[in-house]
């Protein structure tokens, strides 16, 4: 297999994937040309309870309607872990890599990728400059999910006598305890039985990065440690929530 056919483009999320597909299919990895001139483009994406295959199929439907000769085949990870990156590694080794990838990019992976063209539709995508590696656009930020948002039940707050939303982690912990005592149920749940690591990072990252925006760069050089940072503090807080029954174990990847 030639290097050209091993190169593919990466779309973070998929909001602008439809714009990139036609360009990528001409140089992508394993797009399939049919006898009648039609083409099938393979797109490997992260599939979760919140983002099922049907979500992506609905997303690419307008593109397929506008380009009747092209079919976009949505593919879920096949690795035992269900991980996109591990699946990609396996497919690259087997020569069965997709044409498009929905996910994050690392400098190592960029060696087998095709860069996006220096065109307005690329430059004007969200965080285009921030997603560059060595000044080249390997990834297009198509859409972004809002993270670390907490939605609360006003009735539960009222029943527990809480009149003001908490503003600090300590206040948030106190609110959780009041709700548990007043309602008799687990006060904090997360959607989709998502991994604990993500919830923990969303809780701790703000505190750590606020104090030192270069913390991770220093960590990669061995200059700082998790144990000597606020990560330890927030790990202890998160553990206390689990121990005190303030968060459901089944909803936080700790089954």
C-alpha atoms as a PDB file:
ATOM      1  CA  UNK A   1       0.000   0.000   0.000  1.00  0.00           C
ATOM      2  CA  UNK A   2       1.388   3.382  -0.969  1.00  0.00           C
ATOM      3  CA  UNK A   3       1.905   6.192   1.499  1.00  0.00           C
ATOM      4  CA  UNK A   4      -0.742   8.235  -0.291  1.00  0.00           C
ATOM      5  CA  UNK A   5      -3.422   5.649   0.349  1.00  0.00           C
ATOM      6  CA  UNK A   6      -2.446   5.447   4.000  1.00  0.00           C
ATOM      7  CA  UNK A   7      -3.152   9.125   4.556  1.00  0.00           C
ATOM      8  CA  UNK A   8      -6.477  10.378   5.840  1.00  0.00           C
ATOM      9  CA  UNK A   9      -7.998  13.465   7.364  1.00  0.00           C
ATOM     10  CA  UNK A  10      -9.205  13.924  10.895  1.00  0.00           C
ATOM     11  CA  UNK A  11     -12.413  15.621  11.964  1.00  0.00           C
ATOM     12  CA  UNK A  12     -12.847  16.450  15.654  1.00  0.00           C
ATOM     13  CA  UNK A  13     -16.533  15.734  16.219  1.00  0.00           C
ATOM     14  CA  UNK A  14     -18.358  15.941  12.893  1.00  0.00           C
ATOM     15  CA  UNK A  15     -20.074  19.264  12.335  1.00  0.00           C
ATOM     16  CA  UNK A  16     -17.962  20.136   9.281  1.00  0.00           C
ATOM     17  CA  UNK A  17     -17.120  16.577   8.300  1.00  0.00           C
ATOM     18  CA  UNK A  18     -19.534  16.757   5.402  1.00  0.00           C
ATOM     19  CA  UNK A  19     -17.559  19.597   3.870  1.00  0.00           C
ATOM     20  CA  UNK A  20     -14.313  17.683   4.136  1.00  0.00           C
ATOM     21  CA  UNK A  21     -15.510  14.302   2.945  1.00  0.00           C
ATOM     22  CA  UNK A  22     -15.505  15.003  -0.782  1.00  0.00           C
ATOM     23  CA  UNK A  23     -11.967  16.350  -0.666  1.00  0.00           C
ATOM     24  CA  UNK A  24     -10.725  13.556   1.549  1.00  0.00           C
ATOM     25  CA  UNK A  25     -12.314  10.762  -0.449  1.00  0.00           C
ATOM     26  CA  UNK A  26     -10.025  11.480  -3.379  1.00  0.00           C
ATOM     27  CA  UNK A  27      -6.927  10.656  -1.352  1.00  0.00           C
ATOM     28  CA  UNK A  28      -8.327   8.691   1.573  1.00  0.00           C
ATOM     29  CA  UNK A  29      -7.340   5.270   2.815  1.00  0.00           C
ATOM     30  CA  UNK A  30      -9.864   2.587   1.957  1.00  0.00           C
ATOM     31  CA  UNK A  31     -12.719   4.289   0.114  1.00  0.00           C
ATOM     32  CA  UNK A  32     -14.455   1.812  -2.166  1.00  0.00           C
ATOM     33  CA  UNK A  33     -15.050   2.506  -5.870  1.00  0.00           C
ATOM     34  CA  UNK A  34     -18.000   0.612  -7.307  1.00  0.00           C
ATOM     35  CA  UNK A  35     -18.512  -0.474 -10.908  1.00  0.00           C
ATOM     36  CA  UNK A  36     -21.199   2.131 -11.518  1.00  0.00           C
ATOM     37  CA  UNK A  37     -18.872   4.961 -10.522  1.00  0.00           C
ATOM     38  CA  UNK A  38     -20.294   5.388  -7.052  1.00  0.00           C
ATOM     39  CA  UNK A  39     -17.987   5.693  -4.047  1.00  0.00           C
ATOM     40  CA  UNK A  40     -18.239   4.587  -0.419  1.00  0.00           C
ATOM     41  CA  UNK A  41     -16.264   6.655   2.081  1.00  0.00           C
ATOM     42  CA  UNK A  42     -15.467   5.079   5.450  1.00  0.00           C
ATOM     43  CA  UNK A  43     -15.581   7.222   8.565  1.00  0.00           C
ATOM     44  CA  UNK A  44     -14.364   5.896  11.936  1.00  0.00           C
ATOM     45  CA  UNK A  45     -16.029   7.654  14.864  1.00  0.00           C
ATOM     46  CA  UNK A  46     -16.411   7.368  18.602  1.00  0.00           C
ATOM     47  CA  UNK A  47     -19.728   5.659  19.362  1.00  0.00           C
ATOM     48  CA  UNK A  48     -21.281   6.167  22.798  1.00  0.00           C
ATOM     49  CA  UNK A  49     -24.785   5.904  24.313  1.00  0.00           C
ATOM     50  CA  UNK A  50     -25.127   9.634  23.669  1.00  0.00           C
ATOM     51  CA  UNK A  51     -23.617   9.440  20.154  1.00  0.00           C
ATOM     52  CA  UNK A  52     -24.905   6.220  18.546  1.00  0.00           C
ATOM     53  CA  UNK A  53     -24.252   5.238  14.938  1.00  0.00           C
ATOM     54  CA  UNK A  54     -27.701   6.569  14.028  1.00  0.00           C
ATOM     55  CA  UNK A  55     -26.604  10.050  15.163  1.00  0.00           C
ATOM     56  CA  UNK A  56     -23.756  10.098  12.649  1.00  0.00           C
ATOM     57  CA  UNK A  57     -25.929   8.586   9.919  1.00  0.00           C
ATOM     58  CA  UNK A  58     -28.418  11.405  10.352  1.00  0.00           C
ATOM     59  CA  UNK A  59     -25.529  13.867  10.345  1.00  0.00           C
ATOM     60  CA  UNK A  60     -24.111  12.755   6.993  1.00  0.00           C
ATOM     61  CA  UNK A  61     -27.512  12.307   5.335  1.00  0.00           C
ATOM     62  CA  UNK A  62     -27.637  15.878   3.905  1.00  0.00           C
ATOM     63  CA  UNK A  63     -24.180  15.388   2.373  1.00  0.00           C
ATOM     64  CA  UNK A  64     -25.212  12.112   0.771  1.00  0.00           C
ATOM     65  CA  UNK A  65     -28.335  13.752  -0.618  1.00  0.00           C
ATOM     66  CA  UNK A  66     -26.253  16.564  -2.113  1.00  0.00           C
ATOM     67  CA  UNK A  67     -23.736  14.056  -3.551  1.00  0.00           C
ATOM     68  CA  UNK A  68     -25.776  11.037  -4.729  1.00  0.00           C
ATOM     69  CA  UNK A  69     -22.671   9.241  -5.974  1.00  0.00           C
ATOM     70  CA  UNK A  70     -21.089   9.066  -2.524  1.00  0.00           C
ATOM     71  CA  UNK A  71     -22.152   6.948   0.455  1.00  0.00           C
ATOM     72  CA  UNK A  72     -20.657   7.625   3.879  1.00  0.00           C
ATOM     73  CA  UNK A  73     -20.228   4.433   5.877  1.00  0.00           C
ATOM     74  CA  UNK A  74     -20.114   5.103   9.618  1.00  0.00           C
ATOM     75  CA  UNK A  75     -17.880   2.683  11.499  1.00  0.00           C
ATOM     76  CA  UNK A  76     -17.671   2.159  15.253  1.00  0.00           C
ATOM     77  CA  UNK A  77     -14.406   1.151  16.958  1.00  0.00           C
ATOM     78  CA  UNK A  78     -13.645  -2.568  16.689  1.00  0.00           C
ATOM     79  CA  UNK A  79     -10.903  -2.767  19.328  1.00  0.00           C
ATOM     80  CA  UNK A  80     -11.756  -4.701  22.482  1.00  0.00           C
ATOM     81  CA  UNK A  81     -11.569  -1.472  24.478  1.00  0.00           C
ATOM     82  CA  UNK A  82     -14.003   0.303  22.158  1.00  0.00           C
ATOM     83  CA  UNK A  83     -11.345   2.966  21.672  1.00  0.00           C
ATOM     84  CA  UNK A  84     -11.018   4.900  18.403  1.00  0.00           C
ATOM     85  CA  UNK A  85      -7.247   5.374  18.693  1.00  0.00           C
ATOM     86  CA  UNK A  86      -6.583   1.686  19.390  1.00  0.00           C
ATOM     87  CA  UNK A  87      -8.845   0.691  16.501  1.00  0.00           C
ATOM     88  CA  UNK A  88      -6.977   3.081  14.218  1.00  0.00           C
ATOM     89  CA  UNK A  89      -3.625   1.604  15.247  1.00  0.00           C
ATOM     90  CA  UNK A  90      -4.873  -1.896  14.455  1.00  0.00           C
ATOM     91  CA  UNK A  91      -6.321  -0.827  11.109  1.00  0.00           C
ATOM     92  CA  UNK A  92      -3.133   0.961  10.076  1.00  0.00           C
ATOM     93  CA  UNK A  93      -1.146  -2.187  10.822  1.00  0.00           C
ATOM     94  CA  UNK A  94      -3.578  -4.264   8.760  1.00  0.00           C
ATOM     95  CA  UNK A  95      -3.835  -1.758   5.917  1.00  0.00           C
ATOM     96  CA  UNK A  96      -7.566  -1.258   6.474  1.00  0.00           C
ATOM     97  CA  UNK A  97      -7.535   2.325   7.760  1.00  0.00           C
ATOM     98  CA  UNK A  98     -10.596   4.565   7.165  1.00  0.00           C
ATOM     99  CA  UNK A  99     -10.851   7.643   4.966  1.00  0.00           C
ATOM    100  CA  UNK A 100     -11.898   9.908   7.820  1.00  0.00           C
ATOM    101  CA  UNK A 101     -11.416   9.847  11.561  1.00  0.00           C
ATOM    102  CA  UNK A 102     -13.555  11.589  14.143  1.00  0.00           C
ATOM    103  CA  UNK A 103     -11.324  12.178  17.150  1.00  0.00           C
ATOM    104  CA  UNK A 104      -8.244  13.872  18.539  1.00  0.00           C
ATOM    105  CA  UNK A 105      -4.845  13.973  16.859  1.00  0.00           C
ATOM    106  CA  UNK A 106      -1.334  13.526  18.221  1.00  0.00           C
ATOM    107  CA  UNK A 107       1.967  14.473  16.632  1.00  0.00           C
ATOM    108  CA  UNK A 108       2.801  10.786  16.153  1.00  0.00           C
ATOM    109  CA  UNK A 109      -0.426  10.103  14.267  1.00  0.00           C
ATOM    110  CA  UNK A 110       0.100  13.137  12.060  1.00  0.00           C
ATOM    111  CA  UNK A 111       2.795  11.223  10.175  1.00  0.00           C
ATOM    112  CA  UNK A 112       0.120   9.123   8.438  1.00  0.00           C
ATOM    113  CA  UNK A 113      -2.408  11.901   7.915  1.00  0.00           C
ATOM    114  CA  UNK A 114      -3.225  14.287   5.115  1.00  0.00           C
ATOM    115  CA  UNK A 115      -3.274  17.956   6.035  1.00  0.00           C
ATOM    116  CA  UNK A 116      -6.325  20.074   5.348  1.00  0.00           C
ATOM    117  CA  UNK A 117      -5.965  22.727   2.635  1.00  0.00           C
ATOM    118  CA  UNK A 118      -5.286  26.343   3.528  1.00  0.00           C
ATOM    119  CA  UNK A 119      -8.764  27.478   2.568  1.00  0.00           C
ATOM    120  CA  UNK A 120     -11.285  29.789   4.281  1.00  0.00           C
ATOM    121  CA  UNK A 121     -13.623  26.967   5.328  1.00  0.00           C
ATOM    122  CA  UNK A 122     -10.709  25.392   7.207  1.00  0.00           C
ATOM    123  CA  UNK A 123      -9.283  28.597   8.698  1.00  0.00           C
ATOM    124  CA  UNK A 124     -12.703  29.735   9.895  1.00  0.00           C
ATOM    125  CA  UNK A 125     -13.551  26.576  11.852  1.00  0.00           C
ATOM    126  CA  UNK A 126     -13.537  26.818  15.668  1.00  0.00           C
ATOM    127  CA  UNK A 127     -10.071  26.790  17.271  1.00  0.00           C
ATOM    128  CA  UNK A 128      -8.375  26.238  13.896  1.00  0.00           C
ATOM    129  CA  UNK A 129      -5.060  27.742  14.997  1.00  0.00           C
ATOM    130  CA  UNK A 130      -5.093  25.961  18.364  1.00  0.00           C
ATOM    131  CA  UNK A 131      -5.563  22.599  16.632  1.00  0.00           C
ATOM    132  CA  UNK A 132      -2.515  23.007  14.398  1.00  0.00           C
ATOM    133  CA  UNK A 133       0.612  20.907  14.862  1.00  0.00           C
ATOM    134  CA  UNK A 134       3.836  22.576  13.736  1.00  0.00           C
ATOM    135  CA  UNK A 135       1.797  25.162  11.865  1.00  0.00           C
ATOM    136  CA  UNK A 136      -0.090  22.619   9.779  1.00  0.00           C
ATOM    137  CA  UNK A 137      -3.804  21.849   9.942  1.00  0.00           C
ATOM    138  CA  UNK A 138      -4.137  18.132  10.625  1.00  0.00           C
ATOM    139  CA  UNK A 139      -7.466  18.470  12.401  1.00  0.00           C
ATOM    140  CA  UNK A 140     -10.643  20.429  11.767  1.00  0.00           C
ATOM    141  CA  UNK A 141     -12.647  21.420  14.843  1.00  0.00           C
ATOM    142  CA  UNK A 142     -16.074  20.710  13.443  1.00  0.00           C
ATOM    143  CA  UNK A 143     -18.149  21.026  16.584  1.00  0.00           C
ATOM    144  CA  UNK A 144     -17.574  20.976  20.304  1.00  0.00           C
ATOM    145  CA  UNK A 145     -19.479  19.575  23.244  1.00  0.00           C
ATOM    146  CA  UNK A 146     -19.943  21.687  26.334  1.00  0.00           C
ATOM    147  CA  UNK A 147     -18.340  19.868  29.254  1.00  0.00           C
ATOM    148  CA  UNK A 148     -18.376  20.246  33.030  1.00  0.00           C
ATOM    149  CA  UNK A 149     -21.938  21.556  33.109  1.00  0.00           C
ATOM    150  CA  UNK A 150     -24.104  20.730  36.116  1.00  0.00           C
ATOM    151  CA  UNK A 151     -27.878  20.755  35.808  1.00  0.00           C
ATOM    152  CA  UNK A 152     -29.900  20.793  38.997  1.00  0.00           C
ATOM    153  CA  UNK A 153     -33.458  20.014  40.018  1.00  0.00           C
ATOM    154  CA  UNK A 154     -35.072  23.114  41.493  1.00  0.00           C
ATOM    155  CA  UNK A 155     -37.654  21.046  43.366  1.00  0.00           C
ATOM    156  CA  UNK A 156     -34.917  18.966  45.005  1.00  0.00           C
ATOM    157  CA  UNK A 157     -33.075  22.136  45.992  1.00  0.00           C
ATOM    158  CA  UNK A 158     -36.240  23.634  47.474  1.00  0.00           C
ATOM    159  CA  UNK A 159     -37.024  20.445  49.403  1.00  0.00           C
ATOM    160  CA  UNK A 160     -33.521  20.515  50.903  1.00  0.00           C
ATOM    161  CA  UNK A 161     -33.868  24.199  51.806  1.00  0.00           C
ATOM    162  CA  UNK A 162     -31.216  25.324  49.324  1.00  0.00           C
ATOM    163  CA  UNK A 163     -31.959  28.784  47.959  1.00  0.00           C
ATOM    164  CA  UNK A 164     -28.692  29.637  46.198  1.00  0.00           C
ATOM    165  CA  UNK A 165     -26.659  27.478  43.777  1.00  0.00           C
ATOM    166  CA  UNK A 166     -23.190  26.593  45.148  1.00  0.00           C
ATOM    167  CA  UNK A 167     -20.196  28.584  43.924  1.00  0.00           C
ATOM    168  CA  UNK A 168     -17.307  26.523  45.318  1.00  0.00           C
ATOM    169  CA  UNK A 169     -16.484  22.829  45.530  1.00  0.00           C
ATOM    170  CA  UNK A 170     -16.964  22.890  49.300  1.00  0.00           C
ATOM    171  CA  UNK A 171     -20.396  24.469  48.884  1.00  0.00           C
ATOM    172  CA  UNK A 172     -21.230  21.926  46.189  1.00  0.00           C
ATOM    173  CA  UNK A 173     -20.306  19.053  48.513  1.00  0.00           C
ATOM    174  CA  UNK A 174     -22.469  20.536  51.267  1.00  0.00           C
ATOM    175  CA  UNK A 175     -25.391  20.815  48.839  1.00  0.00           C
ATOM    176  CA  UNK A 176     -25.010  17.167  47.818  1.00  0.00           C
ATOM    177  CA  UNK A 177     -25.177  16.098  51.454  1.00  0.00           C
ATOM    178  CA  UNK A 178     -28.285  18.196  52.104  1.00  0.00           C
ATOM    179  CA  UNK A 179     -30.067  16.770  49.082  1.00  0.00           C
ATOM    180  CA  UNK A 180     -29.177  13.201  50.061  1.00  0.00           C
ATOM    181  CA  UNK A 181     -30.464  13.764  53.581  1.00  0.00           C
ATOM    182  CA  UNK A 182     -33.665  15.505  52.483  1.00  0.00           C
ATOM    183  CA  UNK A 183     -34.534  13.316  49.524  1.00  0.00           C
ATOM    184  CA  UNK A 184     -33.117   9.961  50.492  1.00  0.00           C
ATOM    185  CA  UNK A 185     -31.580   9.404  47.054  1.00  0.00           C
ATOM    186  CA  UNK A 186     -28.194   9.718  45.372  1.00  0.00           C
ATOM    187  CA  UNK A 187     -27.867  13.445  44.664  1.00  0.00           C
ATOM    188  CA  UNK A 188     -25.377  13.413  41.768  1.00  0.00           C
ATOM    189  CA  UNK A 189     -25.612  11.376  38.575  1.00  0.00           C
ATOM    190  CA  UNK A 190     -23.692  11.465  35.308  1.00  0.00           C
ATOM    191  CA  UNK A 191     -25.078  10.523  31.912  1.00  0.00           C
ATOM    192  CA  UNK A 192     -24.166   7.462  29.902  1.00  0.00           C
ATOM    193  CA  UNK A 193     -22.154   5.732  32.646  1.00  0.00           C
ATOM    194  CA  UNK A 194     -19.188   7.815  31.574  1.00  0.00           C
ATOM    195  CA  UNK A 195     -15.636   7.160  32.736  1.00  0.00           C
ATOM    196  CA  UNK A 196     -14.541   8.396  36.137  1.00  0.00           C
ATOM    197  CA  UNK A 197     -11.307   9.846  34.791  1.00  0.00           C
ATOM    198  CA  UNK A 198     -13.183  12.338  32.635  1.00  0.00           C
ATOM    199  CA  UNK A 199     -15.386  13.507  35.498  1.00  0.00           C
ATOM    200  CA  UNK A 200     -12.357  13.857  37.743  1.00  0.00           C
ATOM    201  CA  UNK A 201     -10.382  15.841  35.163  1.00  0.00           C
ATOM    202  CA  UNK A 202     -13.280  18.201  34.553  1.00  0.00           C
ATOM    203  CA  UNK A 203     -13.417  18.830  38.279  1.00  0.00           C
ATOM    204  CA  UNK A 204      -9.671  19.258  38.813  1.00  0.00           C
ATOM    205  CA  UNK A 205      -8.349  20.727  35.565  1.00  0.00           C
ATOM    206  CA  UNK A 206      -9.809  24.176  36.153  1.00  0.00           C
ATOM    207  CA  UNK A 207      -8.068  24.522  39.506  1.00  0.00           C
ATOM    208  CA  UNK A 208      -4.727  23.188  38.292  1.00  0.00           C
ATOM    209  CA  UNK A 209      -4.637  25.020  34.964  1.00  0.00           C
ATOM    210  CA  UNK A 210      -5.827  28.257  36.519  1.00  0.00           C
ATOM    211  CA  UNK A 211      -2.736  28.313  38.694  1.00  0.00           C
ATOM    212  CA  UNK A 212      -0.355  27.122  35.970  1.00  0.00           C
ATOM    213  CA  UNK A 213      -1.463  26.995  32.327  1.00  0.00           C
ATOM    214  CA  UNK A 214       1.756  25.133  31.444  1.00  0.00           C
ATOM    215  CA  UNK A 215       1.266  22.397  34.036  1.00  0.00           C
ATOM    216  CA  UNK A 216       0.913  19.554  31.526  1.00  0.00           C
ATOM    217  CA  UNK A 217       3.969  20.695  29.571  1.00  0.00           C
ATOM    218  CA  UNK A 218       5.917  20.603  32.831  1.00  0.00           C
ATOM    219  CA  UNK A 219       4.433  17.204  33.702  1.00  0.00           C
ATOM    220  CA  UNK A 220       5.631  15.774  30.382  1.00  0.00           C
ATOM    221  CA  UNK A 221       9.137  16.950  31.296  1.00  0.00           C
ATOM    222  CA  UNK A 222       8.899  15.415  34.772  1.00  0.00           C
ATOM    223  CA  UNK A 223       9.071  18.805  36.474  1.00  0.00           C
ATOM    224  CA  UNK A 224       5.803  18.432  38.425  1.00  0.00           C
ATOM    225  CA  UNK A 225       3.799  15.534  39.826  1.00  0.00           C
ATOM    226  CA  UNK A 226       0.142  14.708  40.366  1.00  0.00           C
ATOM    227  CA  UNK A 227       0.751  13.940  44.037  1.00  0.00           C
ATOM    228  CA  UNK A 228       2.208  17.396  44.699  1.00  0.00           C
ATOM    229  CA  UNK A 229      -0.549  19.263  42.878  1.00  0.00           C
ATOM    230  CA  UNK A 230      -4.228  20.037  43.365  1.00  0.00           C
ATOM    231  CA  UNK A 231      -5.018  16.835  41.482  1.00  0.00           C
ATOM    232  CA  UNK A 232      -4.440  14.972  44.733  1.00  0.00           C
ATOM    233  CA  UNK A 233      -6.844  17.287  46.549  1.00  0.00           C
ATOM    234  CA  UNK A 234      -9.599  16.778  43.989  1.00  0.00           C
ATOM    235  CA  UNK A 235      -9.008  13.037  43.817  1.00  0.00           C
ATOM    236  CA  UNK A 236      -9.631  12.922  47.556  1.00  0.00           C
ATOM    237  CA  UNK A 237     -12.782  15.035  47.164  1.00  0.00           C
ATOM    238  CA  UNK A 238     -14.108  12.795  44.406  1.00  0.00           C
ATOM    239  CA  UNK A 239     -13.357   9.678  46.454  1.00  0.00           C
ATOM    240  CA  UNK A 240     -15.230  11.162  49.403  1.00  0.00           C
ATOM    241  CA  UNK A 241     -18.284  11.674  47.190  1.00  0.00           C
ATOM    242  CA  UNK A 242     -18.218   7.993  46.258  1.00  0.00           C
ATOM    243  CA  UNK A 243     -17.586   6.860  49.839  1.00  0.00           C
ATOM    244  CA  UNK A 244     -20.427   9.017  51.171  1.00  0.00           C
ATOM    245  CA  UNK A 245     -22.882   7.869  48.527  1.00  0.00           C
ATOM    246  CA  UNK A 246     -23.129  11.329  46.991  1.00  0.00           C
ATOM    247  CA  UNK A 247     -22.459   9.989  43.499  1.00  0.00           C
ATOM    248  CA  UNK A 248     -23.581   6.710  41.987  1.00  0.00           C
ATOM    249  CA  UNK A 249     -20.798   4.193  41.504  1.00  0.00           C
ATOM    250  CA  UNK A 250     -22.533   2.694  38.485  1.00  0.00           C
ATOM    251  CA  UNK A 251     -22.717   6.087  36.783  1.00  0.00           C
ATOM    252  CA  UNK A 252     -19.040   6.903  37.138  1.00  0.00           C
ATOM    253  CA  UNK A 253     -17.156   4.004  35.646  1.00  0.00           C
ATOM    254  CA  UNK A 254     -16.401   2.324  38.971  1.00  0.00           C
ATOM    255  CA  UNK A 255     -18.482  -0.847  38.577  1.00  0.00           C
END
